[in-house]
Amino acid sequence: MKIEPSGVVMFGICAVQTSVCVAKEGAPITAVWTVPNRTQINVCSACLNEQLRTGKWIIEGARPAAVAQ
């Protein structure tokens, strides 16, 4: 899924909650927008990085993340 980061950081609960989530009960999160629908997803930095690392989310124009071998 293509996303666009909003650049906004706020306190809240992560909507993604992967196994590495740090905001299951409230912590700093950021809002990202799905493309092209512009649906807001509130996500913690750990889940955002996990979604990008695994290729589930893509930021158009960004370099692919290095994958550990």
C-alpha atoms as a PDB file:
ATOM      1  CA  MET A   1       0.000   0.000   0.000  1.00  0.00           C
ATOM      2  CA  LYS A   2       1.314   3.446  -0.858  1.00  0.00           C
ATOM      3  CA  ILE A   3       1.379   5.957   1.991  1.00  0.00           C
ATOM      4  CA  GLU A   4       2.336   9.586   2.542  1.00  0.00           C
ATOM      5  CA  PRO A   5       3.759  10.653   5.911  1.00  0.00           C
ATOM      6  CA  SER A   6       2.040  13.685   7.438  1.00  0.00           C
ATOM      7  CA  GLY A   7       4.972  14.842   9.550  1.00  0.00           C
ATOM      8  CA  VAL A   8       2.620  15.285  12.505  1.00  0.00           C
ATOM      9  CA  VAL A   9       3.614  13.689  15.821  1.00  0.00           C
ATOM     10  CA  MET A  10       1.026  13.356  18.569  1.00  0.00           C
ATOM     11  CA  PHE A  11       0.206  11.225  21.601  1.00  0.00           C
ATOM     12  CA  GLY A  12      -2.149   8.329  20.912  1.00  0.00           C
ATOM     13  CA  ILE A  13      -2.660   4.627  20.298  1.00  0.00           C
ATOM     14  CA  CYS A  14      -1.172   2.872  17.278  1.00  0.00           C
ATOM     15  CA  ALA A  15      -3.793   1.526  14.869  1.00  0.00           C
ATOM     16  CA  VAL A  16      -1.420  -1.053  13.364  1.00  0.00           C
ATOM     17  CA  GLN A  17      -0.036  -2.777  16.496  1.00  0.00           C
ATOM     18  CA  THR A  18       2.518  -5.182  15.021  1.00  0.00           C
ATOM     19  CA  SER A  19       4.590  -7.408  17.298  1.00  0.00           C
ATOM     20  CA  VAL A  20       7.097  -4.536  17.746  1.00  0.00           C
ATOM     21  CA  CYS A  21       4.484  -1.885  18.608  1.00  0.00           C
ATOM     22  CA  VAL A  22       5.442   0.676  21.259  1.00  0.00           C
ATOM     23  CA  ALA A  23       2.086   2.509  21.397  1.00  0.00           C
ATOM     24  CA  LYS A  24      -0.478  -0.151  22.300  1.00  0.00           C
ATOM     25  CA  GLU A  25      -1.621   1.888  25.304  1.00  0.00           C
ATOM     26  CA  GLY A  26      -0.530   5.380  24.283  1.00  0.00           C
ATOM     27  CA  ALA A  27       2.772   6.882  23.182  1.00  0.00           C
ATOM     28  CA  PRO A  28       4.046   9.205  20.453  1.00  0.00           C
ATOM     29  CA  ILE A  29       2.535   8.293  17.076  1.00  0.00           C
ATOM     30  CA  THR A  30       2.411   9.849  13.635  1.00  0.00           C
ATOM     31  CA  ALA A  31      -0.365  10.070  11.085  1.00  0.00           C
ATOM     32  CA  VAL A  32       0.165   8.670   7.593  1.00  0.00           C
ATOM     33  CA  TRP A  33      -2.223   8.912   4.653  1.00  0.00           C
ATOM     34  CA  THR A  34      -3.062   6.092   2.273  1.00  0.00           C
ATOM     35  CA  VAL A  35      -2.731   6.933  -1.406  1.00  0.00           C
ATOM     36  CA  PRO A  36      -4.937   7.690  -3.304  1.00  0.00           C
ATOM     37  CA  ASN A  37      -7.849   7.407  -0.825  1.00  0.00           C
ATOM     38  CA  ARG A  38      -6.329   9.745   1.802  1.00  0.00           C
ATOM     39  CA  THR A  39      -7.400   7.574   4.729  1.00  0.00           C
ATOM     40  CA  GLN A  40      -5.541   8.505   7.926  1.00  0.00           C
ATOM     41  CA  ILE A  41      -3.701   5.756   9.819  1.00  0.00           C
ATOM     42  CA  ASN A  42      -2.177   6.573  13.219  1.00  0.00           C
ATOM     43  CA  VAL A  43       1.007   4.557  13.644  1.00  0.00           C
ATOM     44  CA  CYS A  44       3.964   4.403  16.047  1.00  0.00           C
ATOM     45  CA  SER A  45       7.498   4.666  14.685  1.00  0.00           C
ATOM     46  CA  ALA A  46       8.256   0.985  15.333  1.00  0.00           C
ATOM     47  CA  CYS A  47       5.204  -0.216  13.385  1.00  0.00           C
ATOM     48  CA  LEU A  48       5.841   2.310  10.603  1.00  0.00           C
ATOM     49  CA  ASN A  49       9.400   1.040  10.200  1.00  0.00           C
ATOM     50  CA  GLU A  50       8.199  -2.588  10.284  1.00  0.00           C
ATOM     51  CA  GLN A  51       5.545  -1.972   7.609  1.00  0.00           C
ATOM     52  CA  LEU A  52       8.125  -0.243   5.386  1.00  0.00           C
ATOM     53  CA  ARG A  53      10.836  -2.844   6.029  1.00  0.00           C
ATOM     54  CA  THR A  54       8.557  -5.751   5.104  1.00  0.00           C
ATOM     55  CA  GLY A  55       7.268  -3.970   1.997  1.00  0.00           C
ATOM     56  CA  LYS A  56       3.647  -3.814   3.189  1.00  0.00           C
ATOM     57  CA  TRP A  57       3.780  -0.028   2.891  1.00  0.00           C
ATOM     58  CA  ILE A  58       5.639   2.052   0.310  1.00  0.00           C
ATOM     59  CA  ILE A  59       6.487   5.757   0.320  1.00  0.00           C
ATOM     60  CA  GLU A  60       6.657   6.828  -3.305  1.00  0.00           C
ATOM     61  CA  GLY A  61      10.019   8.362  -4.157  1.00  0.00           C
ATOM     62  CA  ALA A  62      11.748   6.965  -1.055  1.00  0.00           C
ATOM     63  CA  ARG A  63      14.711   4.645  -1.323  1.00  0.00           C
ATOM     64  CA  PRO A  64      13.947   1.017  -0.417  1.00  0.00           C
ATOM     65  CA  ALA A  65      14.974   0.049   3.111  1.00  0.00           C
ATOM     66  CA  ALA A  66      18.041  -2.123   3.453  1.00  0.00           C
ATOM     67  CA  VAL A  67      17.054  -5.679   4.308  1.00  0.00           C
ATOM     68  CA  ALA A  68      19.195  -7.525   6.866  1.00  0.00           C
ATOM     69  CA  GLN A  69      20.658 -10.737   5.473  1.00  0.00           C
END
